[in-house]
Amino acid sequence: MSLAITSMRTMLRPSVTTRTHLLYPLNTVTPIARRTIIYTDGFNENAKSTDELSQGDIKNLKTAFQRLAGTLNPELYHLPESMLLQAFTHKSFRHGMFPYNERMAVYGQNLYKYYTTLEIAGSNSSHPSAVGGRNVSILATANAKKLTNGRTLVYSFLSKNECIDGIRWEPAQNISLENAKASPRSSGLYEVGAQTVFALIGLIALRHGSARAGEFIKDRILSSDQSIASPRKS
């Protein structure tokens, strides 16, 4: 069966667009499949959301992020509403029809690994295996590998700050959102939660610069669990 492809460009909100490809059997008017790709062309903090969130929902989202950012200086990592909404939206939510956090999470995870590596092996060392005065061999330890992977720590960081309920997503299995928290790994919540934090890191870097994102990683995430945030002492 031959297929014809058409596309239409729609605006979800200012500066965020999608290109939807509709697949039609030849000589028919009914599509048999649809593929939507979301393009982030920039961010407009004055843009209006189109996903029917109430003002109460937005307020709860901002409150959740403030808990993650800390209360001493919440403006230090301030993100506009449009960025927060994208960071807390997983591509499983409504089949990816709204801007989601996948690409920002990739960017943020790489920043997380970079700054965590610097934190682990960045101090001066007289260890026999030190290179340039840095004990880089510590990066091969199980504790350091767990920390640079990040998923366990960032999910714990999100959970401890009671921000799980702010994520917009759908469980991987046929279970309710309420029960998903009881089995985060099998439901997909573990990966979804970690991706949310990584996306926030990426967006902080875009908004405030990578150095500020590094401060967020060190001062907020790594310091949240001293039991695994001090591998240099191993």
Protein backbone atom coordinates (compact mmCIF):
# COMPACT_ATOMS: atom_id res chain seq x y z
CA MET A 1 0.00 0.00 0.00
CA SER A 2 1.39 3.36 -0.99
CA LEU A 3 1.38 6.18 1.51
CA ALA A 4 1.24 9.92 1.00
CA ILE A 5 2.62 12.24 3.65
CA THR A 6 1.34 15.70 4.43
CA SER A 7 2.34 17.99 7.25
CA MET A 8 0.83 20.91 9.07
CA ARG A 9 2.48 23.30 11.45
CA THR A 10 0.58 24.34 14.56
CA MET A 11 1.36 26.58 17.48
CA LEU A 12 1.00 25.13 20.98
CA ARG A 13 2.19 28.31 22.57
CA PRO A 14 4.48 31.16 21.44
CA SER A 15 7.99 29.86 20.64
CA VAL A 16 6.99 26.19 20.91
CA THR A 17 5.76 24.50 17.75
CA THR A 18 5.00 21.03 16.43
CA ARG A 19 5.16 19.45 13.02
CA THR A 20 2.58 16.70 12.65
CA HIS A 21 2.99 14.14 9.87
CA LEU A 22 -0.24 12.43 8.79
CA LEU A 23 0.08 9.13 6.94
CA TYR A 24 -2.70 8.40 4.42
CA PRO A 25 -3.39 5.35 2.26
CA LEU A 26 -3.31 6.56 -1.35
CA ASN A 27 -6.59 8.11 -2.60
CA THR A 28 -8.20 8.23 0.86
CA VAL A 29 -9.05 11.09 3.20
CA THR A 30 -8.65 9.21 6.50
CA PRO A 31 -5.17 9.09 8.05
CA ILE A 32 -3.97 5.75 9.40
CA ALA A 33 -1.21 7.17 11.61
CA ARG A 34 0.07 10.43 13.01
CA ARG A 35 3.56 11.35 14.18
CA THR A 36 4.12 14.59 16.11
CA ILE A 37 7.55 16.11 16.67
CA ILE A 38 7.89 19.01 19.11
CA TYR A 39 10.33 21.81 18.31
CA THR A 40 11.55 24.17 21.00
CA ASP A 41 12.47 27.34 19.13
CA GLY A 42 13.01 29.36 22.28
CA PHE A 43 11.13 30.32 25.41
CA ASN A 44 8.67 33.08 26.05
CA GLU A 45 7.99 33.60 29.75
CA ASN A 46 4.86 35.61 28.88
CA ALA A 47 3.37 32.82 26.78
CA LYS A 48 -0.01 31.46 27.77
CA SER A 49 -0.38 27.75 28.41
CA THR A 50 -2.92 25.89 26.29
CA ASP A 51 -3.20 22.67 28.33
CA GLU A 52 -6.11 23.74 30.54
CA LEU A 53 -4.18 24.03 33.78
CA SER A 54 -5.92 25.98 36.52
CA GLN A 55 -4.22 28.77 38.43
CA GLY A 56 -4.14 26.40 41.39
CA ASP A 57 -2.19 23.86 39.31
CA ILE A 58 0.32 26.51 38.27
CA LYS A 59 0.71 27.67 41.86
CA ASN A 60 1.33 24.11 43.03
CA LEU A 61 3.93 23.66 40.28
CA LYS A 62 5.77 26.80 41.33
CA THR A 63 5.61 25.76 44.99
CA ALA A 64 7.09 22.38 44.12
CA PHE A 65 9.99 23.98 42.28
CA GLN A 66 10.60 26.41 45.14
CA ARG A 67 11.06 23.43 47.45
CA LEU A 68 13.65 22.05 45.06
CA ALA A 69 15.38 25.39 44.61
CA GLY A 70 15.41 26.20 48.34
CA THR A 71 13.67 28.96 50.23
CA LEU A 72 16.66 31.15 51.11
CA ASN A 73 16.86 32.69 47.64
CA PRO A 74 14.20 31.25 45.29
CA GLU A 75 15.06 33.81 42.59
CA LEU A 76 18.53 32.28 42.28
CA TYR A 77 17.18 29.51 40.05
CA HIS A 78 13.95 31.18 38.94
CA LEU A 79 12.27 29.67 35.87
CA PRO A 80 9.26 31.19 34.09
CA GLU A 81 6.00 29.29 33.99
CA SER A 82 6.49 27.98 30.45
CA MET A 83 9.82 26.40 31.36
CA LEU A 84 8.49 24.83 34.55
CA LEU A 85 5.56 23.38 32.67
CA GLN A 86 7.85 21.75 30.11
CA ALA A 87 10.26 20.45 32.77
CA PHE A 88 7.46 18.71 34.67
CA THR A 89 5.87 17.21 31.53
CA HIS A 90 6.97 13.74 30.39
CA LYS A 91 6.40 12.64 26.80
CA SER A 92 3.98 9.94 28.03
CA PHE A 93 1.54 12.67 29.06
CA ARG A 94 -1.30 12.79 26.52
CA HIS A 95 0.88 10.96 24.00
CA GLY A 96 3.40 13.77 23.69
CA MET A 97 0.92 16.36 22.48
CA PHE A 98 2.41 19.05 24.74
CA PRO A 99 6.02 20.28 25.06
CA TYR A 100 7.87 17.68 27.09
CA ASN A 101 11.22 17.44 28.81
CA GLU A 102 13.14 14.73 26.95
CA ARG A 103 15.74 16.85 25.16
CA MET A 104 16.24 19.17 28.11
CA ALA A 105 16.82 16.10 30.29
CA VAL A 106 19.62 14.90 28.02
CA TYR A 107 21.30 18.30 28.25
CA GLY A 108 20.80 18.48 32.01
CA GLN A 109 22.05 14.95 32.62
CA ASN A 110 25.29 15.69 30.81
CA LEU A 111 25.74 18.83 32.91
CA TYR A 112 25.00 16.78 36.02
CA LYS A 113 27.70 14.23 35.13
CA TYR A 114 30.21 16.97 34.36
CA TYR A 115 29.75 18.93 37.57
CA THR A 116 29.47 15.81 39.69
CA THR A 117 32.73 14.51 38.26
CA LEU A 118 34.41 17.81 39.12
CA GLU A 119 33.01 17.63 42.64
CA ILE A 120 34.25 14.06 43.16
CA ALA A 121 37.76 14.43 41.77
CA GLY A 122 38.21 18.19 41.84
CA SER A 123 40.08 18.62 45.12
CA ASN A 124 43.85 18.42 45.51
CA SER A 125 45.16 14.97 46.37
CA SER A 126 48.50 13.40 47.28
CA HIS A 127 47.23 9.92 46.44
CA PRO A 128 49.89 7.82 44.62
CA SER A 129 47.63 7.43 41.60
CA ALA A 130 46.77 11.13 41.41
CA VAL A 131 47.01 12.78 38.00
CA GLY A 132 47.87 16.45 37.99
CA GLY A 133 47.17 16.55 41.71
CA ARG A 134 43.68 15.06 41.26
CA ASN A 135 42.68 11.61 42.46
CA VAL A 136 40.86 10.60 39.29
CA SER A 137 41.01 6.90 40.12
CA ILE A 138 38.22 7.47 42.64
CA LEU A 139 35.87 7.89 39.68
CA ALA A 140 36.09 4.12 39.14
CA THR A 141 34.70 3.27 42.58
CA ALA A 142 31.16 1.91 42.89
CA ASN A 143 30.08 4.87 45.01
CA ALA A 144 31.34 7.41 42.47
CA LYS A 145 29.74 5.55 39.58
CA LYS A 146 26.43 5.53 41.42
CA LEU A 147 26.70 9.24 42.05
CA THR A 148 27.66 10.22 38.50
CA ASN A 149 24.82 8.09 37.12
CA GLY A 150 22.61 10.28 39.26
CA ARG A 151 19.21 8.64 38.89
CA THR A 152 18.96 7.31 42.44
CA LEU A 153 20.03 10.59 43.99
CA VAL A 154 17.93 12.90 41.84
CA TYR A 155 14.82 10.76 42.26
CA SER A 156 15.36 10.76 46.02
CA PHE A 157 15.85 14.54 45.87
CA LEU A 158 12.55 14.96 44.04
CA SER A 159 10.70 12.59 46.35
CA LYS A 160 12.03 14.06 49.60
CA ASN A 161 10.83 17.49 48.51
CA GLU A 162 7.35 16.07 47.80
CA CYS A 163 7.38 17.05 44.14
CA ILE A 164 6.37 13.73 42.59
CA ASP A 165 2.72 14.78 42.30
CA GLY A 166 3.70 17.76 40.15
CA ILE A 167 4.88 15.58 37.26
CA ARG A 168 2.55 15.19 34.30
CA TRP A 169 2.95 11.62 33.00
CA GLU A 170 1.24 8.27 32.47
CA PRO A 171 2.47 5.03 34.13
CA ALA A 172 4.17 2.44 31.95
CA GLN A 173 1.76 -0.24 33.15
CA ASN A 174 -1.98 -0.32 33.65
CA ILE A 175 -1.89 1.03 37.20
CA SER A 176 -3.23 4.19 38.75
CA LEU A 177 -1.08 7.25 39.36
CA GLU A 178 -1.77 6.80 43.07
CA ASN A 179 -0.30 3.29 43.08
CA ALA A 180 2.64 4.20 40.86
CA LYS A 181 4.53 5.74 43.76
CA ALA A 182 4.42 2.42 45.63
CA SER A 183 6.35 0.73 42.81
CA PRO A 184 8.35 3.51 41.11
CA ARG A 185 10.65 1.26 39.10
CA SER A 186 8.01 -1.03 37.58
CA SER A 187 5.62 1.85 36.95
CA GLY A 188 8.27 4.00 35.27
CA LEU A 189 8.09 6.74 37.89
CA TYR A 190 11.75 6.26 38.86
CA GLU A 191 12.98 7.16 35.36
CA VAL A 192 10.33 9.83 34.85
CA GLY A 193 11.22 11.53 38.13
CA ALA A 194 14.94 11.49 37.39
CA GLN A 195 14.30 12.89 33.91
CA THR A 196 12.31 15.75 35.45
CA VAL A 197 15.22 16.82 37.64
CA PHE A 198 17.70 16.53 34.78
CA ALA A 199 15.39 18.70 32.65
CA LEU A 200 15.28 21.33 35.39
CA ILE A 201 19.08 21.38 35.44
CA GLY A 202 19.14 21.90 31.68
CA LEU A 203 16.60 24.71 31.83
CA ILE A 204 18.43 26.44 34.68
CA ALA A 205 21.53 26.36 32.49
CA LEU A 206 19.64 27.87 29.55
CA ARG A 207 18.09 30.55 31.73
CA HIS A 208 20.97 31.43 34.06
CA GLY A 209 24.09 29.83 32.57
CA SER A 210 25.84 26.52 33.15
CA ALA A 211 27.72 27.81 36.21
CA ARG A 212 24.42 28.48 37.98
CA ALA A 213 23.25 25.00 37.03
CA GLY A 214 26.46 23.69 38.57
CA GLU A 215 25.63 25.50 41.80
CA PHE A 216 22.18 23.92 41.81
CA ILE A 217 23.72 20.47 41.37
CA LYS A 218 26.27 20.96 44.13
CA ASP A 219 24.32 23.00 46.67
CA ARG A 220 20.87 21.48 46.25
CA ILE A 221 21.20 17.95 44.87
CA LEU A 222 24.58 16.61 46.02
CA SER A 223 24.20 18.13 49.46
CA SER A 224 20.78 16.49 49.90
CA ASP A 225 22.25 13.09 50.75
CA GLN A 226 25.61 13.07 52.45
CA SER A 227 25.75 9.28 52.54
CA ILE A 228 26.45 9.12 48.80
CA ALA A 229 27.58 12.67 48.13
CA SER A 230 31.05 12.29 49.63
CA PRO A 231 32.80 9.62 47.52
CA ARG A 232 36.13 11.46 47.61
CA LYS A 233 36.58 10.16 51.13
CA SER A 234 36.49 6.55 49.88
